[in-house]
């Protein structure tokens, strides 16, 4: 089995309940970056986070990494629509995502920290755990790739 396939298998194993939830499925209707839905972006970040951990031999809690990555943008609104209430989306959506994820899923402290701190350095407080830093980096890589329609090697 290739590393890419193994990563996808782990995302399904640890995040299957999240991926199949009604609210997560609804994220397929909203665009995150470029032509990529919030659902696709979250899945990409989970896969890339695991891939980076494996490639750089970083010992992580894979389940926490996957679950935090899948829920990091669980804010449940279209931030592209006109309206002043989400003008500061980049600064506020992490707390909104944590609130929604905590409502819908049983999260541990590491998963919560991944979600609420994934926007570092835009939000000034860094993640507490290596899993959070990895998701933070994977999120930025995915966002740039999706915005500019670039290919990330693991997503052929």
C-alpha atoms as a PDB file:
ATOM      1  CA  UNK A   1       0.000   0.000   0.000  1.00  0.00           C
ATOM      2  CA  UNK A   2       1.322   3.454  -0.887  1.00  0.00           C
ATOM      3  CA  UNK A   3       1.762   6.123   1.777  1.00  0.00           C
ATOM      4  CA  UNK A   4      -0.942   8.185   0.087  1.00  0.00           C
ATOM      5  CA  UNK A   5      -3.448   5.320   0.273  1.00  0.00           C
ATOM      6  CA  UNK A   6      -2.449   4.554   3.881  1.00  0.00           C
ATOM      7  CA  UNK A   7      -3.050   8.204   4.817  1.00  0.00           C
ATOM      8  CA  UNK A   8      -6.536   8.130   3.239  1.00  0.00           C
ATOM      9  CA  UNK A   9      -7.297   4.875   5.078  1.00  0.00           C
ATOM     10  CA  UNK A  10      -6.320   6.442   8.417  1.00  0.00           C
ATOM     11  CA  UNK A  11      -8.438   9.539   7.750  1.00  0.00           C
ATOM     12  CA  UNK A  12     -11.441   7.303   7.080  1.00  0.00           C
ATOM     13  CA  UNK A  13     -10.672   5.132  10.129  1.00  0.00           C
ATOM     14  CA  UNK A  14     -10.240   7.973  12.642  1.00  0.00           C
ATOM     15  CA  UNK A  15     -12.612  10.487  11.075  1.00  0.00           C
ATOM     16  CA  UNK A  16     -15.358   8.379   9.526  1.00  0.00           C
ATOM     17  CA  UNK A  17     -17.965   9.577  12.024  1.00  0.00           C
ATOM     18  CA  UNK A  18     -17.071  13.194  11.282  1.00  0.00           C
ATOM     19  CA  UNK A  19     -16.972  12.747   7.494  1.00  0.00           C
ATOM     20  CA  UNK A  20     -20.397  11.080   7.440  1.00  0.00           C
ATOM     21  CA  UNK A  21     -22.105  13.584   9.763  1.00  0.00           C
ATOM     22  CA  UNK A  22     -24.886  15.725   8.314  1.00  0.00           C
ATOM     23  CA  UNK A  23     -23.151  19.021   9.093  1.00  0.00           C
ATOM     24  CA  UNK A  24     -19.881  17.902   7.540  1.00  0.00           C
ATOM     25  CA  UNK A  25     -21.736  16.694   4.447  1.00  0.00           C
ATOM     26  CA  UNK A  26     -23.384  20.141   4.247  1.00  0.00           C
ATOM     27  CA  UNK A  27     -19.896  21.653   3.947  1.00  0.00           C
ATOM     28  CA  UNK A  28     -19.770  20.240   0.416  1.00  0.00           C
ATOM     29  CA  UNK A  29     -22.122  23.084  -0.594  1.00  0.00           C
ATOM     30  CA  UNK A  30     -19.812  25.912   0.497  1.00  0.00           C
ATOM     31  CA  UNK A  31     -16.587  27.015  -1.152  1.00  0.00           C
ATOM     32  CA  UNK A  32     -13.513  27.509   1.007  1.00  0.00           C
ATOM     33  CA  UNK A  33     -10.682  28.458  -1.388  1.00  0.00           C
ATOM     34  CA  UNK A  34     -10.811  28.708  -5.170  1.00  0.00           C
ATOM     35  CA  UNK A  35     -13.188  25.957  -6.318  1.00  0.00           C
ATOM     36  CA  UNK A  36     -12.569  23.736  -3.268  1.00  0.00           C
ATOM     37  CA  UNK A  37     -15.413  23.080  -0.839  1.00  0.00           C
ATOM     38  CA  UNK A  38     -14.942  23.346   2.915  1.00  0.00           C
ATOM     39  CA  UNK A  39     -15.418  19.560   3.083  1.00  0.00           C
ATOM     40  CA  UNK A  40     -12.683  18.936   0.492  1.00  0.00           C
ATOM     41  CA  UNK A  41     -10.361  21.442   2.179  1.00  0.00           C
ATOM     42  CA  UNK A  42     -10.818  19.806   5.574  1.00  0.00           C
ATOM     43  CA  UNK A  43     -10.199  16.359   4.093  1.00  0.00           C
ATOM     44  CA  UNK A  44      -7.101  17.661   2.281  1.00  0.00           C
ATOM     45  CA  UNK A  45      -5.743  19.181   5.482  1.00  0.00           C
ATOM     46  CA  UNK A  46      -6.265  15.908   7.366  1.00  0.00           C
ATOM     47  CA  UNK A  47      -4.477  13.907   4.662  1.00  0.00           C
ATOM     48  CA  UNK A  48      -1.645  16.393   4.299  1.00  0.00           C
ATOM     49  CA  UNK A  49      -1.188  16.611   8.088  1.00  0.00           C
ATOM     50  CA  UNK A  50      -0.699  12.864   8.341  1.00  0.00           C
ATOM     51  CA  UNK A  51       1.515  12.837   5.270  1.00  0.00           C
ATOM     52  CA  UNK A  52       3.781  15.524   6.762  1.00  0.00           C
ATOM     53  CA  UNK A  53       3.994  13.687  10.079  1.00  0.00           C
ATOM     54  CA  UNK A  54       5.049  10.492   8.301  1.00  0.00           C
ATOM     55  CA  UNK A  55       7.472  12.181   5.886  1.00  0.00           C
ATOM     56  CA  UNK A  56       9.233  14.103   8.660  1.00  0.00           C
ATOM     57  CA  UNK A  57       9.089  11.192  11.143  1.00  0.00           C
ATOM     58  CA  UNK A  58       7.119  13.172  13.721  1.00  0.00           C
ATOM     59  CA  UNK A  59       5.544  10.948  16.353  1.00  0.00           C
ATOM     60  CA  UNK A  60       1.958  12.165  16.687  1.00  0.00           C
ATOM     61  CA  UNK A  61      -1.355  10.937  17.994  1.00  0.00           C
ATOM     62  CA  UNK A  62      -2.839  10.140  14.590  1.00  0.00           C
ATOM     63  CA  UNK A  63      -6.443  10.095  15.800  1.00  0.00           C
ATOM     64  CA  UNK A  64      -6.169  13.541  17.407  1.00  0.00           C
ATOM     65  CA  UNK A  65      -4.386  14.879  14.340  1.00  0.00           C
ATOM     66  CA  UNK A  66      -7.060  13.620  11.942  1.00  0.00           C
ATOM     67  CA  UNK A  67     -10.054  14.690  14.037  1.00  0.00           C
ATOM     68  CA  UNK A  68      -8.645  18.162  14.730  1.00  0.00           C
ATOM     69  CA  UNK A  69      -7.774  18.639  11.067  1.00  0.00           C
ATOM     70  CA  UNK A  70     -11.205  17.555   9.854  1.00  0.00           C
ATOM     71  CA  UNK A  71     -12.923  19.960  12.254  1.00  0.00           C
ATOM     72  CA  UNK A  72     -10.575  22.951  12.026  1.00  0.00           C
ATOM     73  CA  UNK A  73     -12.967  24.846   9.700  1.00  0.00           C
ATOM     74  CA  UNK A  74     -16.266  23.536  11.080  1.00  0.00           C
ATOM     75  CA  UNK A  75     -17.756  27.047  11.190  1.00  0.00           C
ATOM     76  CA  UNK A  76     -20.924  26.222   9.203  1.00  0.00           C
ATOM     77  CA  UNK A  77     -21.448  29.372   7.129  1.00  0.00           C
ATOM     78  CA  UNK A  78     -20.451  30.739   3.730  1.00  0.00           C
ATOM     79  CA  UNK A  79     -17.891  33.415   4.482  1.00  0.00           C
ATOM     80  CA  UNK A  80     -17.923  34.632   0.875  1.00  0.00           C
ATOM     81  CA  UNK A  81     -21.445  36.118   1.062  1.00  0.00           C
ATOM     82  CA  UNK A  82     -21.899  39.812   1.676  1.00  0.00           C
ATOM     83  CA  UNK A  83     -22.393  40.784   5.284  1.00  0.00           C
ATOM     84  CA  UNK A  84     -20.494  42.593   7.972  1.00  0.00           C
ATOM     85  CA  UNK A  85     -20.888  39.855  10.583  1.00  0.00           C
ATOM     86  CA  UNK A  86     -18.136  37.773   8.990  1.00  0.00           C
ATOM     87  CA  UNK A  87     -15.791  40.538   7.810  1.00  0.00           C
ATOM     88  CA  UNK A  88     -13.220  39.288  10.323  1.00  0.00           C
ATOM     89  CA  UNK A  89     -13.626  35.627   9.354  1.00  0.00           C
ATOM     90  CA  UNK A  90      -9.876  34.931   9.502  1.00  0.00           C
ATOM     91  CA  UNK A  91      -9.753  36.126  13.096  1.00  0.00           C
ATOM     92  CA  UNK A  92     -13.016  34.636  14.377  1.00  0.00           C
ATOM     93  CA  UNK A  93     -13.849  31.387  12.595  1.00  0.00           C
ATOM     94  CA  UNK A  94     -11.579  29.165  14.711  1.00  0.00           C
ATOM     95  CA  UNK A  95     -13.615  29.890  17.849  1.00  0.00           C
ATOM     96  CA  UNK A  96     -16.836  29.358  15.911  1.00  0.00           C
ATOM     97  CA  UNK A  97     -15.507  26.044  14.568  1.00  0.00           C
ATOM     98  CA  UNK A  98     -14.575  24.931  18.087  1.00  0.00           C
ATOM     99  CA  UNK A  99     -18.013  25.851  19.419  1.00  0.00           C
ATOM    100  CA  UNK A 100     -19.758  23.883  16.647  1.00  0.00           C
ATOM    101  CA  UNK A 101     -17.404  20.902  16.841  1.00  0.00           C
ATOM    102  CA  UNK A 102     -17.760  20.716  20.637  1.00  0.00           C
ATOM    103  CA  UNK A 103     -21.524  20.725  20.228  1.00  0.00           C
ATOM    104  CA  UNK A 104     -21.531  17.892  17.670  1.00  0.00           C
ATOM    105  CA  UNK A 105     -18.590  15.691  18.727  1.00  0.00           C
ATOM    106  CA  UNK A 106     -16.847  14.465  21.860  1.00  0.00           C
ATOM    107  CA  UNK A 107     -13.460  16.199  21.665  1.00  0.00           C
ATOM    108  CA  UNK A 108     -10.393  15.926  23.850  1.00  0.00           C
ATOM    109  CA  UNK A 109      -8.088  18.805  24.826  1.00  0.00           C
ATOM    110  CA  UNK A 110      -5.627  18.259  21.961  1.00  0.00           C
ATOM    111  CA  UNK A 111      -8.376  18.197  19.323  1.00  0.00           C
ATOM    112  CA  UNK A 112      -9.900  21.378  20.776  1.00  0.00           C
ATOM    113  CA  UNK A 113      -6.523  23.106  20.752  1.00  0.00           C
ATOM    114  CA  UNK A 114      -5.896  22.115  17.123  1.00  0.00           C
ATOM    115  CA  UNK A 115      -9.207  23.667  16.092  1.00  0.00           C
ATOM    116  CA  UNK A 116      -8.986  26.910  18.058  1.00  0.00           C
ATOM    117  CA  UNK A 117      -5.303  27.599  17.301  1.00  0.00           C
ATOM    118  CA  UNK A 118      -5.063  26.590  13.633  1.00  0.00           C
ATOM    119  CA  UNK A 119      -4.990  30.212  12.447  1.00  0.00           C
ATOM    120  CA  UNK A 120      -1.652  31.009  14.088  1.00  0.00           C
ATOM    121  CA  UNK A 121       0.042  33.445  13.433  1.00  0.00           C
ATOM    122  CA  UNK A 122      -3.058  35.409  12.348  1.00  0.00           C
ATOM    123  CA  UNK A 123      -4.420  34.568  15.769  1.00  0.00           C
ATOM    124  CA  UNK A 124      -1.517  35.338  18.076  1.00  0.00           C
ATOM    125  CA  UNK A 125      -1.596  32.319  20.408  1.00  0.00           C
ATOM    126  CA  UNK A 126       0.237  29.292  18.968  1.00  0.00           C
ATOM    127  CA  UNK A 127      -0.906  25.678  19.259  1.00  0.00           C
ATOM    128  CA  UNK A 128       0.179  23.815  22.408  1.00  0.00           C
ATOM    129  CA  UNK A 129       0.912  20.498  20.720  1.00  0.00           C
ATOM    130  CA  UNK A 130       2.891  19.300  17.695  1.00  0.00           C
ATOM    131  CA  UNK A 131      -0.359  18.025  16.150  1.00  0.00           C
ATOM    132  CA  UNK A 132      -1.657  21.590  16.176  1.00  0.00           C
ATOM    133  CA  UNK A 133       1.460  22.965  14.483  1.00  0.00           C
ATOM    134  CA  UNK A 134       1.247  20.313  11.790  1.00  0.00           C
ATOM    135  CA  UNK A 135      -2.418  21.130  11.072  1.00  0.00           C
ATOM    136  CA  UNK A 136      -1.557  24.831  11.048  1.00  0.00           C
ATOM    137  CA  UNK A 137       1.128  24.245   8.404  1.00  0.00           C
ATOM    138  CA  UNK A 138      -0.983  21.813   6.353  1.00  0.00           C
ATOM    139  CA  UNK A 139      -3.863  24.313   6.396  1.00  0.00           C
ATOM    140  CA  UNK A 140      -1.666  27.074   4.951  1.00  0.00           C
ATOM    141  CA  UNK A 141      -0.205  24.789   2.268  1.00  0.00           C
ATOM    142  CA  UNK A 142      -3.664  23.551   1.292  1.00  0.00           C
ATOM    143  CA  UNK A 143      -5.152  27.056   1.246  1.00  0.00           C
ATOM    144  CA  UNK A 144      -2.461  28.366  -1.108  1.00  0.00           C
ATOM    145  CA  UNK A 145      -2.691  25.319  -3.378  1.00  0.00           C
ATOM    146  CA  UNK A 146      -6.492  25.488  -3.539  1.00  0.00           C
ATOM    147  CA  UNK A 147      -6.582  29.258  -4.123  1.00  0.00           C
ATOM    148  CA  UNK A 148      -4.149  29.068  -7.030  1.00  0.00           C
ATOM    149  CA  UNK A 149      -5.270  25.654  -8.375  1.00  0.00           C
ATOM    150  CA  UNK A 150      -1.895  24.090  -7.655  1.00  0.00           C
ATOM    151  CA  UNK A 151      -1.370  20.349  -7.281  1.00  0.00           C
ATOM    152  CA  UNK A 152      -0.120  18.983  -3.984  1.00  0.00           C
ATOM    153  CA  UNK A 153       1.919  15.882  -4.881  1.00  0.00           C
ATOM    154  CA  UNK A 154      -0.024  13.515  -2.611  1.00  0.00           C
ATOM    155  CA  UNK A 155      -3.331  14.542  -4.251  1.00  0.00           C
ATOM    156  CA  UNK A 156      -2.867  13.284  -7.816  1.00  0.00           C
END
